[in-house]
C-alpha atoms as a PDB file:
ATOM      1  CA  MET A   1       0.000   0.000   0.000  1.00  0.00           C
ATOM      2  CA  ASN A   2       1.497   3.357  -0.943  1.00  0.00           C
ATOM      3  CA  ASP A   3       1.650   6.397   1.329  1.00  0.00           C
ATOM      4  CA  PHE A   4      -1.393   8.051  -0.277  1.00  0.00           C
ATOM      5  CA  HIS A   5      -3.698   5.153   0.557  1.00  0.00           C
ATOM      6  CA  LYS A   6      -2.164   4.654   3.997  1.00  0.00           C
ATOM      7  CA  ASP A   7      -2.538   8.344   4.885  1.00  0.00           C
ATOM      8  CA  ARG A   8      -6.065   8.457   3.511  1.00  0.00           C
ATOM      9  CA  GLY A   9      -6.987   5.401   5.591  1.00  0.00           C
ATOM     10  CA  ILE A  10      -5.608   7.009   8.746  1.00  0.00           C
ATOM     11  CA  LEU A  11      -7.468  10.259   8.138  1.00  0.00           C
ATOM     12  CA  ARG A  12     -10.718   8.571   7.156  1.00  0.00           C
ATOM     13  CA  SER A  13     -10.696   6.536  10.348  1.00  0.00           C
ATOM     14  CA  LEU A  14     -10.149   9.647  12.486  1.00  0.00           C
ATOM     15  CA  ALA A  15     -12.686  11.679  10.482  1.00  0.00           C
ATOM     16  CA  GLU A  16     -15.299   8.939  10.805  1.00  0.00           C
ATOM     17  CA  ARG A  17     -15.001   8.973  14.592  1.00  0.00           C
ATOM     18  CA  TYR A  18     -14.973  12.791  14.603  1.00  0.00           C
ATOM     19  CA  SER A  19     -18.189  12.801  12.552  1.00  0.00           C
ATOM     20  CA  GLU A  20     -19.902  10.273  14.833  1.00  0.00           C
ATOM     21  CA  ILE A  21     -19.149  12.423  17.867  1.00  0.00           C
ATOM     22  CA  ALA A  22     -20.130  15.619  16.054  1.00  0.00           C
ATOM     23  CA  HIS A  23     -23.605  14.253  15.368  1.00  0.00           C
ATOM     24  CA  MET A  24     -24.359  13.267  18.965  1.00  0.00           C
ATOM     25  CA  ASP A  25     -27.304  15.002  20.638  1.00  0.00           C
ATOM     26  CA  ILE A  26     -25.007  16.316  23.392  1.00  0.00           C
ATOM     27  CA  GLN A  27     -23.407  18.658  20.842  1.00  0.00           C
ATOM     28  CA  LYS A  28     -26.727  20.414  20.202  1.00  0.00           C
ATOM     29  CA  GLU A  29     -27.363  20.683  23.946  1.00  0.00           C
ATOM     30  CA  ARG A  30     -23.957  22.253  24.547  1.00  0.00           C
ATOM     31  CA  ILE A  31     -24.333  24.665  21.644  1.00  0.00           C
ATOM     32  CA  GLU A  32     -27.687  25.734  23.084  1.00  0.00           C
ATOM     33  CA  ARG A  33     -25.984  26.459  26.420  1.00  0.00           C
ATOM     34  CA  TYR A  34     -23.385  28.556  24.579  1.00  0.00           C
ATOM     35  CA  TYR A  35     -26.227  30.591  23.017  1.00  0.00           C
ATOM     36  CA  LYS A  36     -27.933  31.029  26.372  1.00  0.00           C
ATOM     37  CA  THR A  37     -24.686  32.045  28.037  1.00  0.00           C
ATOM     38  CA  ASN A  38     -23.940  34.600  25.306  1.00  0.00           C
ATOM     39  CA  SER A  39     -27.509  35.917  25.638  1.00  0.00           C
ATOM     40  CA  MET A  40     -26.845  36.534  29.346  1.00  0.00           C
ATOM     41  CA  GLU A  41     -29.355  33.913  30.464  1.00  0.00           C
ATOM     42  CA  GLU A  42     -28.618  32.350  33.825  1.00  0.00           C
ATOM     43  CA  VAL A  43     -27.309  28.879  33.063  1.00  0.00           C
ATOM     44  CA  ARG A  44     -24.444  26.795  34.350  1.00  0.00           C
ATOM     45  CA  PRO A  45     -21.188  28.428  33.249  1.00  0.00           C
ATOM     46  CA  ILE A  46     -19.403  26.857  30.300  1.00  0.00           C
ATOM     47  CA  VAL A  47     -16.248  25.010  31.266  1.00  0.00           C
ATOM     48  CA  LEU A  48     -13.474  24.660  28.674  1.00  0.00           C
ATOM     49  CA  VAL A  49      -9.940  23.327  28.869  1.00  0.00           C
ATOM     50  CA  ASP A  50      -8.044  25.342  26.269  1.00  0.00           C
ATOM     51  CA  GLU A  51      -4.430  25.625  27.362  1.00  0.00           C
ATOM     52  CA  VAL A  52      -3.064  22.119  27.129  1.00  0.00           C
ATOM     53  CA  PRO A  53       0.672  21.319  27.261  1.00  0.00           C
ATOM     54  CA  TRP A  54       0.457  18.980  24.260  1.00  0.00           C
ATOM     55  CA  GLY A  55       4.226  18.503  24.130  1.00  0.00           C
ATOM     56  CA  GLU A  56       4.168  17.073  27.641  1.00  0.00           C
ATOM     57  CA  ILE A  57       1.463  14.484  26.978  1.00  0.00           C
ATOM     58  CA  LYS A  58       3.078  11.233  25.943  1.00  0.00           C
ATOM     59  CA  ASP A  59       0.263   9.118  24.579  1.00  0.00           C
ATOM     60  CA  ASP A  60       0.023   6.892  21.500  1.00  0.00           C
ATOM     61  CA  GLU A  61      -3.327   8.497  20.657  1.00  0.00           C
ATOM     62  CA  LEU A  62      -1.478  11.726  19.804  1.00  0.00           C
ATOM     63  CA  ILE A  63       1.221  10.257  17.581  1.00  0.00           C
ATOM     64  CA  CYS A  64       0.767  11.365  13.967  1.00  0.00           C
ATOM     65  CA  ARG A  65       1.182   8.503  11.532  1.00  0.00           C
ATOM     66  CA  CYS A  66       0.631  10.176   8.146  1.00  0.00           C
ATOM     67  CA  GLU A  67       3.678  10.311   5.899  1.00  0.00           C
ATOM     68  CA  ASN A  68       2.656  13.493   4.037  1.00  0.00           C
ATOM     69  CA  GLN A  69       3.672  16.556   6.064  1.00  0.00           C
ATOM     70  CA  GLU A  70       0.653  18.638   5.023  1.00  0.00           C
ATOM     71  CA  LEU A  71      -1.681  15.826   5.995  1.00  0.00           C
ATOM     72  CA  ARG A  72       0.019  15.526   9.360  1.00  0.00           C
ATOM     73  CA  GLY A  73      -1.369  18.970  10.237  1.00  0.00           C
ATOM     74  CA  LEU A  74      -4.884  17.795   9.446  1.00  0.00           C
ATOM     75  CA  GLU A  75      -4.248  14.554  11.335  1.00  0.00           C
ATOM     76  CA  TRP A  76      -3.031  16.526  14.363  1.00  0.00           C
ATOM     77  CA  GLN A  77      -6.209  18.620  14.419  1.00  0.00           C
ATOM     78  CA  LEU A  78      -8.340  15.481  14.379  1.00  0.00           C
ATOM     79  CA  ARG A  79      -6.242  13.672  16.997  1.00  0.00           C
ATOM     80  CA  VAL A  80      -6.306  16.651  19.380  1.00  0.00           C
ATOM     81  CA  SER A  81     -10.083  17.018  19.042  1.00  0.00           C
ATOM     82  CA  LEU A  82     -10.640  13.319  19.713  1.00  0.00           C
ATOM     83  CA  TYR A  83      -8.166  13.290  22.603  1.00  0.00           C
ATOM     84  CA  LYS A  84      -9.916  16.231  24.266  1.00  0.00           C
ATOM     85  CA  TRP A  85     -13.233  14.446  23.803  1.00  0.00           C
ATOM     86  CA  ASP A  86     -11.955  11.223  25.329  1.00  0.00           C
ATOM     87  CA  HIS A  87     -10.017  12.666  28.259  1.00  0.00           C
ATOM     88  CA  PHE A  88     -11.274  16.121  29.293  1.00  0.00           C
ATOM     89  CA  GLN A  89     -14.211  17.216  27.226  1.00  0.00           C
ATOM     90  CA  ALA A  90     -15.805  19.499  29.825  1.00  0.00           C
ATOM     91  CA  ASP A  91     -18.244  21.513  27.613  1.00  0.00           C
ATOM     92  CA  TYR A  92     -16.176  21.052  24.467  1.00  0.00           C
ATOM     93  CA  VAL A  93     -18.232  20.957  21.270  1.00  0.00           C
ATOM     94  CA  ILE A  94     -17.209  18.982  18.227  1.00  0.00           C
ATOM     95  CA  ALA A  95     -19.158  20.663  15.450  1.00  0.00           C
ATOM     96  CA  PRO A  96     -20.343  18.706  12.392  1.00  0.00           C
ATOM     97  CA  VAL A  97     -18.014  20.760  10.200  1.00  0.00           C
ATOM     98  CA  PHE A  98     -14.280  20.841   9.806  1.00  0.00           C
ATOM     99  CA  HIS A  99     -12.901  24.330   9.329  1.00  0.00           C
ATOM    100  CA  VAL A 100     -10.212  25.031   6.782  1.00  0.00           C
ATOM    101  CA  GLY A 101      -8.478  28.247   7.748  1.00  0.00           C
ATOM    102  CA  LYS A 102      -7.850  30.898   5.148  1.00  0.00           C
ATOM    103  CA  ARG A 103      -4.233  31.441   4.195  1.00  0.00           C
ATOM    104  CA  ILE A 104      -3.323  35.093   4.577  1.00  0.00           C
ATOM    105  CA  GLY A 105      -0.201  37.184   4.358  1.00  0.00           C
ATOM    106  CA  SER A 106       0.809  40.532   5.814  1.00  0.00           C
ATOM    107  CA  SER A 107       3.373  43.160   4.893  1.00  0.00           C
ATOM    108  CA  GLY A 108       3.992  43.691   8.600  1.00  0.00           C
ATOM    109  CA  VAL A 109       3.900  46.864  10.686  1.00  0.00           C
ATOM    110  CA  GLY A 110       7.357  48.157   9.791  1.00  0.00           C
ATOM    111  CA  MET A 111       9.288  46.434  12.538  1.00  0.00           C
ATOM    112  CA  GLY A 112       9.600  42.959  13.915  1.00  0.00           C
ATOM    113  CA  VAL A 113       9.479  41.670  17.434  1.00  0.00           C
ATOM    114  CA  LYS A 114      12.681  41.867  19.429  1.00  0.00           C
ATOM    115  CA  GLU A 115      12.516  39.444  22.286  1.00  0.00           C
ATOM    116  CA  ASP A 116      14.270  36.856  24.346  1.00  0.00           C
ATOM    117  CA  LEU A 117      12.474  33.509  24.403  1.00  0.00           C
ATOM    118  CA  MET A 118      12.619  31.432  27.520  1.00  0.00           C
ATOM    119  CA  ALA A 119      11.542  27.955  26.452  1.00  0.00           C
ATOM    120  CA  GLY A 120      11.089  25.107  28.853  1.00  0.00           C
ATOM    121  CA  SER A 121      12.585  21.690  28.384  1.00  0.00           C
ATOM    122  CA  THR A 122       9.353  19.700  28.586  1.00  0.00           C
ATOM    123  CA  GLY A 123       8.514  19.724  24.884  1.00  0.00           C
ATOM    124  CA  THR A 124       5.590  22.130  25.142  1.00  0.00           C
ATOM    125  CA  TYR A 125       5.044  24.812  22.515  1.00  0.00           C
ATOM    126  CA  ILE A 126       4.327  27.419  25.203  1.00  0.00           C
ATOM    127  CA  VAL A 127       7.253  29.721  25.965  1.00  0.00           C
ATOM    128  CA  SER A 128       7.824  32.875  27.986  1.00  0.00           C
ATOM    129  CA  HIS A 129       8.785  36.118  26.270  1.00  0.00           C
ATOM    130  CA  ARG A 130      10.837  39.083  27.414  1.00  0.00           C
ATOM    131  CA  TYR A 131      10.213  41.894  24.942  1.00  0.00           C
ATOM    132  CA  LYS A 132      12.804  44.538  24.130  1.00  0.00           C
ATOM    133  CA  GLU A 133      11.880  48.204  23.905  1.00  0.00           C
ATOM    134  CA  GLN A 134      11.911  49.504  20.332  1.00  0.00           C
ATOM    135  CA  LEU A 135      10.070  52.807  20.531  1.00  0.00           C
ATOM    136  CA  ASP A 136      12.487  54.955  22.488  1.00  0.00           C
ATOM    137  CA  THR A 137      11.782  58.280  20.770  1.00  0.00           C
ATOM    138  CA  GLU A 138       9.000  60.067  18.926  1.00  0.00           C
ATOM    139  CA  GLU A 139      10.938  59.459  15.691  1.00  0.00           C
ATOM    140  CA  ASP A 140      10.771  55.722  16.286  1.00  0.00           C
ATOM    141  CA  LEU A 141       6.989  55.923  15.852  1.00  0.00           C
ATOM    142  CA  GLU A 142       7.559  56.694  12.170  1.00  0.00           C
ATOM    143  CA  LYS A 143       8.858  53.143  11.716  1.00  0.00           C
ATOM    144  CA  LEU A 144       5.308  51.897  12.207  1.00  0.00           C
ATOM    145  CA  LYS A 145       3.251  51.250   9.069  1.00  0.00           C
ATOM    146  CA  ILE A 146      -0.291  50.144   8.425  1.00  0.00           C
ATOM    147  CA  PRO A 147       0.005  46.518   7.313  1.00  0.00           C
ATOM    148  CA  VAL A 148      -1.315  45.310   3.987  1.00  0.00           C
ATOM    149  CA  ILE A 149      -3.191  42.058   4.464  1.00  0.00           C
ATOM    150  CA  THR A 150      -3.462  39.709   1.488  1.00  0.00           C
ATOM    151  CA  TYR A 151      -5.556  36.618   0.942  1.00  0.00           C
ATOM    152  CA  ASP A 152      -3.745  33.604  -0.500  1.00  0.00           C
ATOM    153  CA  ARG A 153      -6.562  32.083  -2.510  1.00  0.00           C
ATOM    154  CA  GLU A 154      -4.351  29.415  -4.099  1.00  0.00           C
ATOM    155  CA  GLY A 155      -2.924  28.339  -0.738  1.00  0.00           C
ATOM    156  CA  THR A 156      -6.363  28.241   0.857  1.00  0.00           C
ATOM    157  CA  GLU A 157      -7.842  26.199  -1.981  1.00  0.00           C
ATOM    158  CA  LYS A 158      -4.895  23.799  -1.914  1.00  0.00           C
ATOM    159  CA  HIS A 159      -5.396  23.268   1.839  1.00  0.00           C
ATOM    160  CA  ALA A 160      -9.153  22.785   1.315  1.00  0.00           C
ATOM    161  CA  VAL A 161      -8.474  20.135  -1.333  1.00  0.00           C
ATOM    162  CA  ILE A 162      -6.083  18.364   1.019  1.00  0.00           C
ATOM    163  CA  SER A 163      -8.773  18.411   3.708  1.00  0.00           C
ATOM    164  CA  MET A 164     -11.398  17.059   1.334  1.00  0.00           C
ATOM    165  CA  TYR A 165      -9.225  14.275  -0.029  1.00  0.00           C
ATOM    166  CA  ILE A 166      -9.999  12.102   2.977  1.00  0.00           C
ATOM    167  CA  SER A 167     -13.693  11.955   2.039  1.00  0.00           C
END
């Protein structure tokens, strides 16, 4: 079996489970609570676990197995969603859609970030930052520019096709 079929099999299996969970009645109930909460109705507060040290969790369920690097990103999204569902779902909602983010670019604001990163040694992606002052004088403000944001239609469509290829 070549990599294409192997990767597609991996993703289809994950997507099938994702879809089964997404169509459970509990999802509709939780979404309704979100609406009520946002409408300021008095309901039980929504509980979410968002900051997870993924690099510190050593579990076979989170190991990506796809060979294609672009597909590994899609696989990771599915594995993380399923892991959260299985281990700490709280009021987590798995919606019956899978979002493909738009690819955008930016010209920047005229200067980059100057910082010292203080990364831990546990494998997590979360790091501390110590930012360096860059706007010492009034003249330094002239370095700032309004960014030009561009939409990468080709990149977005390519990513959407990659996401759809598991179906």
